[in-house]
Protein backbone atom coordinates (compact mmCIF):
# COMPACT_ATOMS: atom_id res chain seq x y z
CA MET A 1 167.68 144.26 135.50
CA LYS A 2 165.67 141.96 137.71
CA LYS A 3 162.50 143.23 136.05
CA VAL A 4 163.86 142.56 132.56
CA LEU A 5 164.97 139.10 133.55
CA GLY A 6 161.58 138.33 135.10
CA LEU A 7 159.73 139.56 132.00
CA ALA A 8 162.00 137.46 129.77
CA ILE A 9 161.25 134.34 131.79
CA LEU A 10 157.48 135.02 131.76
CA GLY A 11 157.57 135.70 128.00
CA THR A 12 159.38 132.44 127.38
CA LEU A 13 156.80 130.46 129.35
CA PHE A 14 153.89 131.94 127.40
CA ALA A 15 155.59 131.76 123.96
CA ASN A 16 156.57 128.04 124.08
CA PRO A 17 153.79 125.43 123.94
CA ALA A 18 153.45 123.13 126.90
CA LYS A 19 154.96 119.69 126.35
CA ALA A 20 153.15 117.64 128.96
CA GLY A 21 149.38 117.72 129.33
CA GLU A 22 148.82 119.40 125.96
CA THR A 23 145.46 118.64 124.30
CA PHE A 24 145.17 117.99 120.59
CA VAL A 25 142.38 117.43 118.05
CA LEU A 26 142.85 115.83 114.62
CA ASN A 27 140.09 116.21 112.03
CA GLN A 28 141.26 115.17 108.55
CA TRP A 29 139.27 114.53 105.33
CA THR A 30 140.78 112.81 102.28
CA ILE A 31 138.92 112.70 98.97
CA GLN A 32 140.39 110.83 96.00
CA GLN A 33 139.08 110.35 92.48
CA SER A 34 140.58 108.28 89.66
CA ARG A 35 139.51 107.41 86.12
CA THR A 36 140.96 104.64 83.94
CA GLU A 37 140.16 104.31 80.26
CA THR A 38 141.16 101.22 78.27
CA ASN A 39 140.77 100.60 74.54
CA PHE A 40 141.44 97.12 73.14
CA ASN A 41 141.52 96.62 69.37
CA ILE A 42 141.02 92.96 68.44
CA ASP A 43 141.66 91.31 65.07
CA ASN A 44 141.99 87.52 65.35
CA VAL A 45 141.96 85.03 62.44
CA THR A 46 141.85 81.26 63.01
CA ASN A 47 142.41 78.81 60.13
CA SER A 48 141.60 75.14 60.58
CA THR A 49 141.89 72.16 58.23
CA ARG A 50 140.53 68.67 58.78
CA THR A 51 141.05 65.64 56.49
CA GLN A 52 139.50 62.28 57.19
CA ASN A 53 139.86 59.06 55.16
CA TYR A 54 137.78 56.03 55.99
CA ASN A 55 137.45 52.43 54.81
CA SER A 56 135.02 49.80 56.02
CA SER A 57 134.44 46.26 54.73
CA SER A 58 132.36 43.25 55.62
CA ASN A 59 132.30 39.63 54.39
CA ASN A 60 129.83 36.92 55.37
CA ILE A 61 129.73 33.26 54.33
CA TYR A 62 126.66 31.23 55.20
CA ILE A 63 126.40 27.47 54.49
CA ASP A 64 123.05 25.74 54.82
CA GLY A 65 121.82 22.20 54.13
CA ARG A 66 122.04 18.71 55.47
CA VAL A 67 123.79 15.47 54.69
CA GLU A 68 121.67 12.34 54.27
CA ALA A 69 122.59 8.73 53.65
CA GLU A 70 121.39 7.41 50.31
CA TYR A 71 121.31 3.82 49.12
CA ASN A 72 122.18 3.26 45.50
CA ASN A 73 122.60 -0.27 44.10
CA GLY A 74 123.28 -1.65 47.55
CA LYS A 75 125.89 0.91 48.36
CA VAL A 76 125.52 3.62 50.94
CA GLY A 77 126.58 7.12 49.96
CA GLU A 78 126.23 10.58 51.37
CA VAL A 79 124.12 13.12 49.60
CA PHE A 80 123.76 16.80 50.33
CA LYS A 81 120.14 17.93 50.41
CA ARG A 82 119.05 21.55 50.06
CA PHE A 83 122.66 22.60 50.22
CA SER A 84 123.50 26.25 49.60
CA VAL A 85 126.47 28.48 50.10
CA ARG A 86 125.87 32.21 50.40
CA ASN A 87 128.68 34.70 50.29
CA SER A 88 128.07 38.41 50.68
CA GLY A 89 130.34 41.36 51.19
CA ALA A 90 130.33 45.12 51.28
CA GLU A 91 133.00 47.78 51.18
CA LEU A 92 132.82 51.49 51.86
CA ASN A 93 135.65 53.88 51.00
CA GLY A 94 135.59 57.63 51.32
CA SER A 95 137.28 60.81 52.39
CA PHE A 96 136.25 64.07 53.94
CA HIS A 97 138.08 67.41 53.75
CA GLU A 98 137.08 70.61 55.53
CA GLU A 99 138.70 74.05 55.69
CA THR A 100 137.39 76.70 58.05
CA THR A 101 138.38 80.32 58.57
CA ALA A 102 136.99 82.31 61.50
CA ARG A 103 137.69 86.00 62.12
CA VAL A 104 136.81 88.05 65.18
CA TRP A 105 137.45 91.78 65.15
CA GLY A 106 136.31 94.85 67.00
CA THR A 107 137.07 97.26 69.81
CA ILE A 108 136.44 96.93 73.54
CA ASN A 109 136.27 100.26 75.39
CA THR A 110 136.14 100.34 79.19
CA ILE A 111 135.93 103.25 81.61
CA MET A 112 136.43 102.77 85.33
CA ASN A 113 135.71 105.59 87.79
CA SER A 114 136.75 105.29 91.42
CA TYR A 115 135.80 107.65 94.24
CA THR A 116 137.14 107.39 97.79
CA SER A 117 136.26 109.61 100.72
CA THR A 118 137.84 109.04 104.15
CA HIS A 119 137.55 110.88 107.43
CA GLU A 120 139.81 110.55 110.43
CA SER A 121 139.33 112.25 113.74
CA SER A 122 140.95 111.81 117.12
CA ALA A 123 141.47 113.81 120.25
CA GLY A 124 143.52 113.40 123.39
CA ILE A 125 146.02 114.73 125.80
CA ARG A 126 149.73 114.28 125.28
């Protein structure tokens, strides 16, 4: 009986891992790969309208000449010499109208590949 008990105790010691002072090694590789595909279909129409009305006018009056004293039968009178009055003017009226249509269409295809490789290693005694 003592022999069986002694063998059972020895077997238990060798079967269970040691808790304190145990060495360990970790060597781990991780490799990841991903692929993303995106397809955008575009069809965009832009309509634009512009209307512009304009009016411009100008007026100019120019008076030129001189006033001189003139004697006539003993009386003094005023006489305009080389007197002129000039009047000029201009007017501009108009309008502008514009309509524009722009269209953009097509497909944008993108592919994104991603590769990641990591390695972790450590060793020690617990």
